[in-house]
Protein backbone atom coordinates (compact mmCIF):
# COMPACT_ATOMS: atom_id res chain seq x y z
CA MET A 1 33.21 -112.31 18.53
CA SER A 2 34.13 -110.48 15.80
CA GLU A 3 30.25 -110.97 14.94
CA ASP A 4 29.06 -109.62 18.25
CA ASN A 5 31.75 -106.39 17.89
CA SER A 6 30.65 -105.54 14.54
CA ASN A 7 26.79 -105.34 15.86
CA ALA A 8 27.26 -103.47 18.54
CA GLY A 9 29.51 -100.98 16.41
CA GLY A 10 26.51 -100.68 13.85
CA ALA A 11 24.26 -99.63 16.74
CA ALA A 12 26.64 -96.71 18.12
CA ASP A 13 26.65 -95.53 14.56
CA GLU A 14 23.05 -95.07 13.75
CA ARG A 15 21.64 -91.37 14.17
CA ILE A 16 18.12 -89.44 14.13
CA PRO A 17 17.34 -87.61 11.14
CA ILE A 18 16.40 -83.80 12.03
CA ASN A 19 14.61 -82.09 9.75
CA GLY A 20 14.96 -78.77 8.14
CA ALA A 21 13.22 -75.71 9.91
CA VAL A 22 11.98 -72.29 9.15
CA VAL A 23 12.66 -69.77 11.98
CA ILE A 24 10.46 -66.95 12.56
CA SER A 25 10.47 -63.69 14.90
CA THR A 26 9.62 -59.95 15.15
CA ASN A 27 11.96 -57.34 16.89
CA GLU A 28 10.40 -56.11 19.92
CA SER A 29 7.53 -53.25 18.67
CA LYS A 30 6.51 -56.15 16.28
CA MET A 31 7.23 -53.93 13.33
CA GLU A 32 9.54 -56.24 11.59
CA ALA A 33 9.21 -60.39 11.02
CA TYR A 34 12.51 -62.24 10.41
CA LEU A 35 12.63 -65.53 8.98
CA CYS A 36 15.65 -68.22 8.16
CA ILE A 37 15.87 -71.67 7.45
CA THR A 38 18.17 -74.45 9.44
CA GLU A 39 19.65 -77.09 7.36
CA GLU A 40 18.48 -81.02 7.52
CA ARG A 41 20.79 -83.31 9.18
CA ASP A 42 21.24 -87.40 9.00
CA GLY A 43 18.90 -87.78 6.46
CA GLY A 44 16.12 -85.58 7.57
CA ASP A 45 13.98 -83.69 5.40
CA PRO A 46 15.08 -80.41 3.56
CA VAL A 47 12.61 -77.12 4.09
CA THR A 48 10.39 -76.59 1.54
CA PHE A 49 8.64 -73.29 -0.16
CA LYS A 50 5.73 -74.54 0.75
CA ASP A 51 6.98 -75.28 4.80
CA ILE A 52 7.83 -71.67 4.67
CA THR A 53 4.50 -70.51 3.34
CA GLU A 54 2.86 -72.20 6.05
CA GLU A 55 5.01 -71.23 8.93
CA VAL A 56 4.22 -67.82 8.01
CA SER A 57 0.77 -68.43 8.49
CA ALA A 58 0.78 -70.04 11.45
CA TYR A 59 3.14 -67.33 12.90
CA GLY A 60 0.50 -65.07 12.09
CA ILE A 61 2.23 -62.32 9.83
CA THR A 62 -0.18 -60.69 7.71
CA HIS A 63 0.87 -57.56 6.78
CA GLU A 64 2.32 -56.98 3.61
CA VAL A 65 4.51 -60.62 3.32
CA SER A 66 7.43 -60.08 1.06
CA LEU A 67 8.70 -63.74 0.39
CA ASP A 68 11.13 -63.27 -2.21
CA GLU A 69 14.62 -63.16 -0.02
CA ALA A 70 13.38 -66.13 1.56
CA LYS A 71 12.96 -68.19 -1.29
CA THR A 72 16.73 -67.19 -2.26
CA LEU A 73 17.77 -68.22 0.89
CA LEU A 74 16.22 -71.78 0.38
CA GLU A 75 17.51 -71.80 -3.30
CA GLU A 76 20.70 -70.66 -2.44
CA LYS A 77 20.83 -72.74 0.98
CA ARG A 78 21.93 -70.23 3.01
CA TYR A 79 21.18 -71.57 6.15
CA GLY A 80 20.93 -69.12 9.29
CA LYS A 81 20.76 -65.86 7.45
CA LYS A 82 17.73 -64.18 8.61
CA VAL A 83 16.05 -61.81 6.34
CA VAL A 84 13.11 -59.21 6.80
CA ILE A 85 9.82 -60.77 5.06
CA SER A 86 7.61 -57.98 6.74
CA ARG A 87 8.02 -54.36 7.24
CA GLY A 88 4.98 -52.58 9.54
CA VAL A 89 3.95 -49.27 9.13
CA LYS A 90 4.24 -46.54 11.65
CA ALA A 91 1.44 -44.32 12.58
CA VAL A 92 2.16 -40.69 12.04
CA ASN A 93 0.91 -38.22 14.61
CA GLY A 94 -1.17 -35.72 14.12
CA ARG A 95 0.18 -32.04 13.22
CA ASP A 96 -0.62 -29.29 15.73
CA GLY A 97 -3.01 -26.43 14.86
CA ARG A 98 -1.10 -23.34 13.72
CA ILE A 99 -1.75 -19.92 12.54
CA ASP A 100 1.08 -18.03 9.80
CA TYR A 101 0.58 -14.38 10.47
CA LEU A 102 1.85 -12.70 7.08
CA PHE A 103 2.83 -9.34 9.13
CA GLU A 104 5.39 -8.94 12.21
CA THR A 105 3.98 -9.62 15.52
CA THR A 106 5.69 -6.60 16.65
CA ASN A 107 4.97 -2.83 16.71
CA GLU A 108 8.83 -2.09 17.52
CA LEU A 109 9.74 1.15 15.59
CA VAL A 110 12.76 0.24 13.53
CA PRO A 111 14.31 2.93 10.27
CA LYS A 112 13.56 1.69 6.88
CA LYS A 113 16.35 0.25 4.87
CA GLY A 114 16.46 0.86 1.19
CA LYS A 115 17.55 -1.53 -1.74
CA LEU A 116 20.90 -0.08 -1.37
CA GLY A 117 21.22 -0.34 2.37
CA GLU A 118 20.31 3.20 2.78
CA VAL A 119 18.45 4.23 6.03
CA ASP A 120 15.38 6.25 6.52
CA TYR A 121 15.12 7.79 9.50
CA LYS A 122 11.70 9.38 9.12
CA ASP A 123 10.28 5.71 8.21
CA LEU A 124 9.95 4.01 11.23
CA GLY A 125 7.02 1.66 10.34
CA LEU A 126 4.52 3.24 12.74
CA VAL A 127 1.81 2.78 10.29
CA ARG A 128 0.99 -0.43 8.65
CA ASN A 129 -2.02 0.34 6.30
CA ILE A 130 -4.09 -2.33 5.54
CA ILE A 131 -7.45 -2.03 3.16
CA GLU A 132 -10.65 -3.75 3.90
CA GLY A 133 -10.37 -7.92 2.75
CA GLU A 134 -6.43 -8.17 2.91
CA LEU A 135 -5.60 -11.27 4.54
CA ILE A 136 -4.04 -11.06 7.76
CA ALA A 137 -3.20 -15.12 8.90
CA ILE A 138 -3.77 -18.58 7.75
CA ILE A 139 -5.18 -20.45 10.22
CA TYR A 140 -4.17 -24.51 10.13
CA HIS A 141 -6.23 -26.57 12.47
CA PRO A 142 -5.13 -29.72 13.45
CA ASP A 143 -5.63 -33.54 12.13
CA GLU A 144 -5.94 -36.62 13.35
CA GLY A 145 -2.84 -38.50 12.21
CA VAL A 146 -2.55 -41.10 9.84
CA PRO A 147 -2.93 -44.81 11.96
CA GLY A 148 -0.11 -47.52 11.40
CA VAL A 149 0.22 -51.40 11.64
CA ASN A 150 2.34 -53.88 12.63
CA VAL A 151 3.25 -57.27 10.79
CA PHE A 152 0.15 -59.01 12.58
CA GLY A 153 -2.09 -56.45 10.80
CA GLN A 154 -3.05 -54.89 14.26
CA GLU A 155 -3.71 -51.23 13.66
CA LEU A 156 -1.81 -48.53 15.80
CA SER A 157 -3.60 -45.36 16.41
CA PRO A 158 -1.77 -41.99 15.89
CA ILE A 159 -1.54 -39.19 18.43
CA ALA A 160 -3.95 -36.08 17.49
CA GLY A 161 -2.69 -33.07 16.81
CA LYS A 162 -3.44 -30.06 19.81
CA GLU A 163 -5.41 -26.99 18.61
CA MET A 164 -4.00 -23.81 18.49
CA LYS A 165 -5.07 -20.82 20.50
CA TYR A 166 -5.72 -17.44 18.51
CA ALA A 167 -7.64 -14.76 18.95
CA VAL A 168 -9.33 -12.61 16.31
CA GLY A 169 -8.69 -8.39 17.35
CA PRO A 170 -10.87 -5.48 16.66
CA GLY A 171 -11.31 -4.54 12.86
CA THR A 172 -10.32 -7.95 11.72
CA VAL A 173 -12.73 -10.84 10.83
CA ILE A 174 -12.48 -14.80 10.90
CA ASN A 175 -14.07 -16.83 7.47
CA ASP A 176 -16.85 -19.48 7.94
CA GLU A 177 -14.23 -22.08 7.75
CA GLU A 178 -11.77 -20.37 10.35
CA THR A 179 -8.95 -20.45 8.33
CA GLU A 180 -8.44 -16.93 7.25
CA ILE A 181 -8.00 -13.57 9.31
CA LYS A 182 -8.78 -10.80 7.10
CA ALA A 183 -9.35 -7.10 7.70
CA ALA A 184 -12.92 -6.12 8.07
CA ILE A 185 -11.99 -2.09 7.51
CA SER A 186 -9.07 -0.26 5.87
CA GLY A 187 -7.00 1.35 8.64
CA ASN A 188 -3.42 0.44 10.71
CA LEU A 189 -2.80 -2.60 11.54
CA VAL A 190 -1.05 -3.18 15.19
CA TRP A 191 -0.26 -6.02 17.08
CA GLN A 192 -1.80 -5.79 20.64
CA LYS A 193 -2.59 -8.59 23.26
CA GLY A 194 -1.57 -11.40 21.29
CA SER A 195 -3.73 -10.83 18.28
CA PHE A 196 -3.36 -8.53 15.40
CA ALA A 197 -6.57 -5.03 15.17
CA VAL A 198 -7.01 -2.73 12.64
CA GLU A 199 -7.48 0.61 13.86
CA GLU A 200 -9.43 3.18 11.84
CA THR A 201 -7.85 6.36 13.11
CA LEU A 202 -4.49 6.87 13.89
CA VAL A 203 -4.13 8.36 16.99
CA ILE A 204 -0.58 10.07 17.90
CA LYS A 205 -0.74 10.80 21.44
CA GLU A 206 2.41 12.79 21.38
CA ASN A 207 4.16 14.85 18.35
CA VAL A 208 5.01 13.78 14.73
CA ASP A 209 9.07 14.07 15.24
CA VAL A 210 12.31 11.77 15.41
CA SER A 211 10.01 9.53 17.70
CA THR A 212 7.10 8.77 15.29
CA GLY A 213 8.81 9.40 11.75
CA ASN A 214 6.65 10.52 8.78
CA ILE A 215 2.82 9.50 9.06
CA ASP A 216 1.37 8.07 5.50
CA PHE A 217 -2.13 6.70 6.61
CA ILE A 218 -5.10 5.68 4.28
CA GLY A 219 -7.19 6.61 7.16
CA ASP A 220 -8.30 9.25 9.39
CA VAL A 221 -4.82 10.87 11.64
CA LEU A 222 -5.49 12.26 14.91
CA ILE A 223 -2.24 14.18 16.58
CA LYS A 224 -2.76 14.94 20.15
CA GLY A 225 0.37 17.31 20.13
CA ASN A 226 2.61 19.01 17.31
CA VAL A 227 4.05 18.64 14.17
CA ALA A 228 7.76 18.84 13.94
CA GLU A 229 9.75 20.70 11.31
CA ASN A 230 10.44 18.82 8.09
CA PHE A 231 8.64 16.28 8.94
CA THR A 232 5.30 14.67 6.72
CA VAL A 233 2.03 13.94 7.60
CA LYS A 234 -0.53 12.28 5.04
CA SER A 235 -4.07 11.08 5.24
CA LYS A 236 -6.59 9.41 2.15
CA LYS A 237 -9.27 10.90 4.83
CA THR A 238 -9.12 14.22 7.48
CA VAL A 239 -6.30 15.06 9.43
CA THR A 240 -6.92 16.88 13.17
CA ILE A 241 -3.83 17.97 14.80
CA ASN A 242 -3.87 19.50 18.68
CA GLY A 243 -0.99 21.55 17.99
CA THR A 244 1.17 23.19 15.68
CA VAL A 245 2.70 22.67 12.35
CA THR A 246 5.97 24.33 12.35
CA GLY A 247 8.05 23.92 9.08
CA ALA A 248 6.47 20.87 8.30
CA THR A 249 3.75 19.64 5.49
CA VAL A 250 0.49 18.33 5.61
CA ILE A 251 -1.55 16.40 2.96
CA ALA A 252 -5.03 15.16 3.33
CA ASP A 253 -7.63 13.59 0.68
CA GLY A 254 -10.27 15.20 3.51
CA ASN A 255 -9.90 18.37 5.59
CA ILE A 256 -7.41 19.29 7.69
CA ILE A 257 -7.69 20.82 11.33
CA ILE A 258 -5.45 22.24 13.24
CA ASN A 259 -6.50 23.31 16.60
CA LEU A 260 -3.45 26.30 17.23
CA GLY A 261 -2.36 26.98 13.51
CA SER A 262 0.73 26.75 11.21
CA VAL A 263 3.99 28.47 10.62
CA ASN A 264 5.91 28.43 7.99
CA SER A 265 4.41 24.83 6.79
CA ASP A 266 2.73 23.06 3.54
CA LEU A 267 -1.08 22.13 3.79
CA ILE A 268 -2.82 20.53 0.82
CA ALA A 269 -6.15 19.35 1.35
CA LYS A 270 -8.79 18.53 -0.97
CA GLY A 271 -11.61 19.23 1.72
CA ASP A 272 -11.66 22.29 3.61
CA ILE A 273 -9.00 23.84 6.24
CA LYS A 274 -9.57 24.98 9.67
CA LEU A 275 -6.57 26.46 11.78
CA GLY A 276 -6.11 28.93 14.62
CA PHE A 277 -3.81 30.68 12.82
CA CYS A 278 -2.02 30.76 10.09
CA GLU A 279 1.71 32.19 9.50
CA SER A 280 4.06 32.65 6.41
CA SER A 281 2.38 29.07 5.44
CA LYS A 282 1.02 28.24 1.88
CA ILE A 283 -2.15 27.08 1.95
CA GLU A 284 -3.91 24.76 -0.97
CA CYS A 285 -7.36 23.57 -0.69
CA GLN A 286 -10.45 22.71 -3.10
CA GLY A 287 -13.06 22.95 0.02
CA SER A 288 -13.64 26.12 2.29
CA PHE A 289 -10.53 27.85 4.24
CA SER A 290 -10.69 29.26 7.94
CA SER A 291 -8.48 30.82 10.41
CA GLN A 292 -8.37 33.42 13.49
CA SER A 293 -5.82 34.92 11.27
CA ILE A 294 -3.22 34.94 8.03
CA ILE A 295 0.10 36.61 7.99
CA ALA A 296 2.14 36.78 4.79
CA GLY A 297 2.22 33.49 3.18
CA GLU A 298 0.01 32.24 0.02
CA VAL A 299 -3.35 30.69 0.46
CA PHE A 300 -5.45 29.35 -2.66
CA CYS A 301 -9.13 28.26 -1.69
CA GLY A 302 -11.51 26.50 -4.06
CA GLY A 303 -14.33 27.30 -2.00
CA THR A 304 -14.91 30.43 0.31
CA ILE A 305 -12.07 32.38 2.53
CA ASN A 306 -13.71 32.99 6.00
CA LEU A 307 -11.63 35.31 8.69
CA THR A 308 -14.22 36.32 11.12
CA GLN A 309 -13.49 34.32 14.10
CA GLY A 310 -11.38 35.85 16.51
CA ARG A 311 -9.51 38.64 15.45
CA GLY A 312 -10.14 37.49 11.96
CA VAL A 313 -7.41 39.47 10.56
CA VAL A 314 -5.12 38.76 6.90
CA PHE A 315 -2.28 40.68 5.75
CA GLY A 316 0.60 40.19 3.98
CA GLY A 317 1.28 37.34 1.29
CA LYS A 318 -1.02 36.45 -2.07
CA HIS A 319 -4.43 35.27 -1.31
CA ILE A 320 -6.58 33.15 -4.13
CA ALA A 321 -10.86 32.62 -3.24
CA ILE A 322 -12.78 30.63 -6.06
CA GLY A 323 -15.65 31.16 -4.03
CA GLY A 324 -16.15 34.07 -1.60
CA PHE A 325 -13.55 36.46 0.96
CA THR A 326 -14.79 37.51 4.31
CA ALA A 327 -12.71 39.03 6.69
CA ASN A 328 -13.25 41.12 9.89
CA ILE A 329 -9.30 42.86 8.92
CA ILE A 330 -7.73 43.36 5.33
CA GLY A 331 -4.25 44.79 6.07
CA THR A 332 -2.41 46.87 8.79
CA GLU A 333 -2.01 50.62 9.73
CA SER A 334 1.43 50.28 8.50
CA TYR A 335 0.49 49.47 4.39
CA THR A 336 1.26 45.99 4.35
CA LYS A 337 1.49 44.72 0.70
CA THR A 338 -1.62 42.23 0.47
CA GLN A 339 -3.00 40.61 -2.96
CA ILE A 340 -6.26 39.38 -2.70
CA THR A 341 -8.23 37.59 -5.49
CA LEU A 342 -11.18 36.23 -6.14
CA GLY A 343 -12.31 33.63 -8.38
CA ASN A 344 -9.83 31.72 -10.44
CA SER A 345 -8.44 34.98 -12.62
CA ALA A 346 -5.21 34.79 -11.27
CA VAL A 347 -4.91 31.43 -12.50
CA LEU A 348 -6.78 32.34 -16.04
CA THR A 349 -4.62 35.37 -16.20
CA GLU A 350 -1.35 32.98 -16.02
CA GLU A 351 -2.59 30.92 -18.36
CA LYS A 352 -3.85 33.49 -20.98
CA LEU A 353 -0.01 34.91 -20.54
CA GLU A 354 1.40 31.46 -21.26
CA LEU A 355 -0.76 30.76 -24.44
CA THR A 356 -0.26 34.42 -25.79
CA ASN A 357 3.54 33.49 -25.57
CA LYS A 358 3.33 30.77 -27.33
CA ILE A 359 1.45 31.85 -30.31
CA LYS A 360 3.52 34.53 -30.94
CA ASP A 361 6.64 31.71 -30.78
CA LEU A 362 4.36 29.66 -32.90
CA GLU A 363 4.25 32.33 -35.24
CA GLU A 364 7.43 33.16 -35.21
CA ARG A 365 8.23 29.47 -36.19
CA THR A 366 5.49 29.77 -38.83
CA LYS A 367 7.47 33.14 -40.43
CA LYS A 368 10.99 30.93 -40.70
CA LEU A 369 9.08 27.60 -42.15
CA LEU A 370 7.25 29.83 -45.04
CA GLN A 371 10.64 31.72 -45.59
CA VAL A 372 12.14 28.30 -46.28
CA ALA A 373 9.45 26.60 -48.25
CA GLU A 374 9.43 30.05 -50.62
CA VAL A 375 13.02 29.76 -51.28
CA LEU A 376 12.89 25.97 -52.12
CA GLN A 377 9.71 26.60 -54.31
CA GLU A 378 11.05 29.24 -56.13
CA GLN A 379 14.44 26.37 -56.46
CA LYS A 380 12.51 23.96 -57.63
CA LYS A 381 10.50 26.20 -60.19
CA ASN A 382 14.30 27.25 -61.87
CA THR A 383 15.96 23.43 -61.95
CA GLY A 384 12.52 21.69 -62.45
CA GLN A 385 13.62 19.26 -59.87
CA LEU A 386 14.98 19.20 -56.18
CA PRO A 387 17.43 16.92 -54.62
CA ALA A 388 15.98 14.14 -52.64
CA ASP A 389 16.87 15.80 -49.47
CA ARG A 390 15.80 19.67 -50.34
CA GLU A 391 12.29 18.10 -51.36
CA ALA A 392 12.09 16.06 -47.83
CA MET A 393 12.21 19.27 -46.42
CA LEU A 394 9.99 21.29 -48.76
CA THR A 395 7.62 18.64 -47.70
CA THR A 396 8.16 19.03 -44.01
CA ALA A 397 7.93 22.61 -44.02
CA ILE A 398 4.62 22.82 -45.68
CA ARG A 399 3.33 19.84 -43.78
CA SER A 400 4.81 21.74 -40.08
CA ARG A 401 3.50 25.37 -41.27
CA PHE A 402 -0.12 23.95 -41.05
CA THR A 403 0.46 21.91 -38.13
CA PHE A 404 1.51 25.43 -36.13
CA GLN A 405 -1.52 27.39 -37.77
CA ARG A 406 -3.89 25.01 -36.76
CA GLU A 407 -2.38 24.59 -33.30
CA VAL A 408 -2.59 28.68 -33.15
CA LYS A 409 -6.20 28.68 -33.84
CA VAL A 410 -6.82 26.21 -31.16
CA LEU A 411 -4.84 28.52 -28.88
CA THR A 412 -6.84 31.33 -29.75
CA GLY A 413 -10.03 29.98 -28.94
CA ARG A 414 -8.63 28.55 -25.37
CA ILE A 415 -7.93 32.64 -24.93
CA ALA A 416 -11.13 33.73 -26.10
CA GLU A 417 -13.17 31.72 -23.58
CA ILE A 418 -10.57 32.89 -20.52
CA GLU A 419 -11.47 36.22 -21.47
CA LYS A 420 -15.05 35.40 -21.46
CA GLU A 421 -14.48 33.91 -18.04
CA LEU A 422 -12.98 36.68 -16.56
CA ASP A 423 -15.49 39.32 -17.73
CA SER A 424 -17.96 37.05 -16.23
CA ALA A 425 -16.69 37.02 -12.77
CA GLY A 426 -18.97 40.07 -11.41
CA ASP A 427 -21.10 38.50 -8.88
CA GLN A 428 -18.13 38.28 -6.26
CA TYR A 429 -17.43 39.97 -3.27
CA ILE A 430 -14.89 40.87 -0.62
CA ILE A 431 -16.68 41.20 2.42
CA VAL A 432 -15.17 43.65 5.48
CA HIS A 433 -16.63 43.71 8.46
CA LYS A 434 -14.13 46.01 10.40
CA ASP A 435 -11.41 47.62 8.43
CA LEU A 436 -9.48 47.68 5.36
CA TRP A 437 -6.24 49.42 5.43
CA PRO A 438 -4.36 50.87 2.01
CA GLY A 439 -1.22 48.63 0.67
CA VAL A 440 -4.23 46.07 -0.35
CA THR A 441 -4.50 44.77 -4.35
CA VAL A 442 -8.28 43.44 -4.93
CA ARG A 443 -8.57 41.62 -8.66
CA ILE A 444 -11.84 40.06 -9.27
CA GLY A 445 -11.88 38.35 -13.14
CA SER A 446 -9.90 41.18 -15.22
CA GLU A 447 -10.50 43.81 -13.00
CA LEU A 448 -7.86 45.08 -10.59
CA LEU A 449 -8.26 47.76 -7.38
CA ILE A 450 -5.79 49.12 -4.88
CA VAL A 451 -6.83 50.24 -1.64
CA ASP A 452 -5.68 53.84 -1.11
CA ARG A 453 -7.50 54.93 2.16
CA HIS A 454 -8.65 53.54 5.21
CA LEU A 455 -12.45 51.98 5.16
CA THR A 456 -14.83 50.28 7.96
CA LYS A 457 -17.26 47.93 7.11
CA VAL A 458 -17.37 47.81 3.54
CA MET A 459 -17.55 45.54 0.69
CA ILE A 460 -15.50 45.14 -2.74
CA GLY A 461 -17.56 43.92 -5.88
CA LYS A 462 -17.86 45.40 -9.68
CA ASP A 463 -20.22 48.32 -10.10
CA ASP A 464 -23.26 48.44 -12.22
CA GLU A 465 -20.59 49.62 -15.12
CA GLY A 466 -18.46 46.49 -14.13
CA HIS A 467 -15.44 47.75 -12.45
CA LEU A 468 -14.69 47.34 -8.91
CA ALA A 469 -15.72 49.51 -6.45
CA TYR A 470 -16.55 50.49 -2.61
CA LEU A 471 -20.25 49.17 -1.97
CA PRO A 472 -22.31 49.68 0.86
CA PHE A 473 -22.05 46.95 3.82
CA THR A 474 -25.65 46.88 3.22
CA VAL A 475 -25.27 44.50 0.16
CA LYS A 476 -24.12 41.94 2.37
CA GLY A 477 -27.33 39.66 2.28
CA LYS A 478 -26.86 39.84 -1.77
CA ALA A 479 -23.02 39.30 -1.61
CA GLN A 480 -23.78 35.84 0.45
């Protein structure tokens, strides 16, 4: 009985061995693979590292498998602990194309601020000067992106970037690679209709005033209205103004054309200046000057002054023409003081006066140095030797005296050149088509003539003896 009970108990305690196992799983996106191991039981076989490698291979995990942590689990018998054995690489979607503009994409007028925060209400940013070849924008084209891969080694396709829409405006150019937009010409950079354009001529549709601010442009300027008081217009080329310029300044490297006229303004041009009328203005041009009238003010003209259109009158002020002077009427019946100079005699005469005064100053200083040198040399003769400071003073006095004398020689030579140039200005004429009135002073070269009577159709030039005289109008052809 007892034997039977013993056999019965042995059968009940008999257990099935359970081997340790390798469990592999992935997340839903298949971008991570995990591994854990289970403990053997009831005499089953434990997991070996070989079991791990075989299970990973059988499961199909191929991308950058790392079993270091799995090995640690095995060695430390950390059963049920899940570790990552592989991570996939996400696909990188392509970047969309884009365009980076190097200038503000707006034409908004805003007063410019200085470094200290001061605001210039006459600089509103209306003009954005740009030179040919200057970079306007950089274009970045879209890319395809970078493929990814999951833990099973399967490639993941990226989403390609989208093209950027852009336009190339007038006066701009895009390179062959379509990566850069540059200015094709020099001019004013404007934003219009979704792109930048370069305008070779700056057109002001109305007036230059508080609504526009000052103008400083590298190209031609066309102003359809007026230029208001205390405003400035500058151009590297030609300025054309349909209206008037009043109490303003216009400067051009080319020509200045004002269809109406100038009042109490400063006009400076490297080319020609042409006005409807000119009143109490200061004019300076290297080319020719023409107007229907000049009233007071000052005109300096590197070419010829021509007042034969319209009334063609000049009275008041001081006016210099290097080339020649022609007018219908010079002066007034009321004998308004008017000074006309031909050639650069006025400039040369002023230079001669400055040089003469400088020579007088140098001669006076030379005289004083000579006196100092004589005193010191006498002391040296009597004592045999001068103190160091007085010896240095003597040396300086002698050297300075010779330096001044050399400078006087140079200045004297220049004065001789000026006098020769003044005397040679004999083939220039002032031509009066209608009336020449008393009160007019004429200078040609070093000669001066004060008009003392009313004359008509006359020319003023040098006679055979080199003096200024009234000449018959019939020599007009020769004068021109």
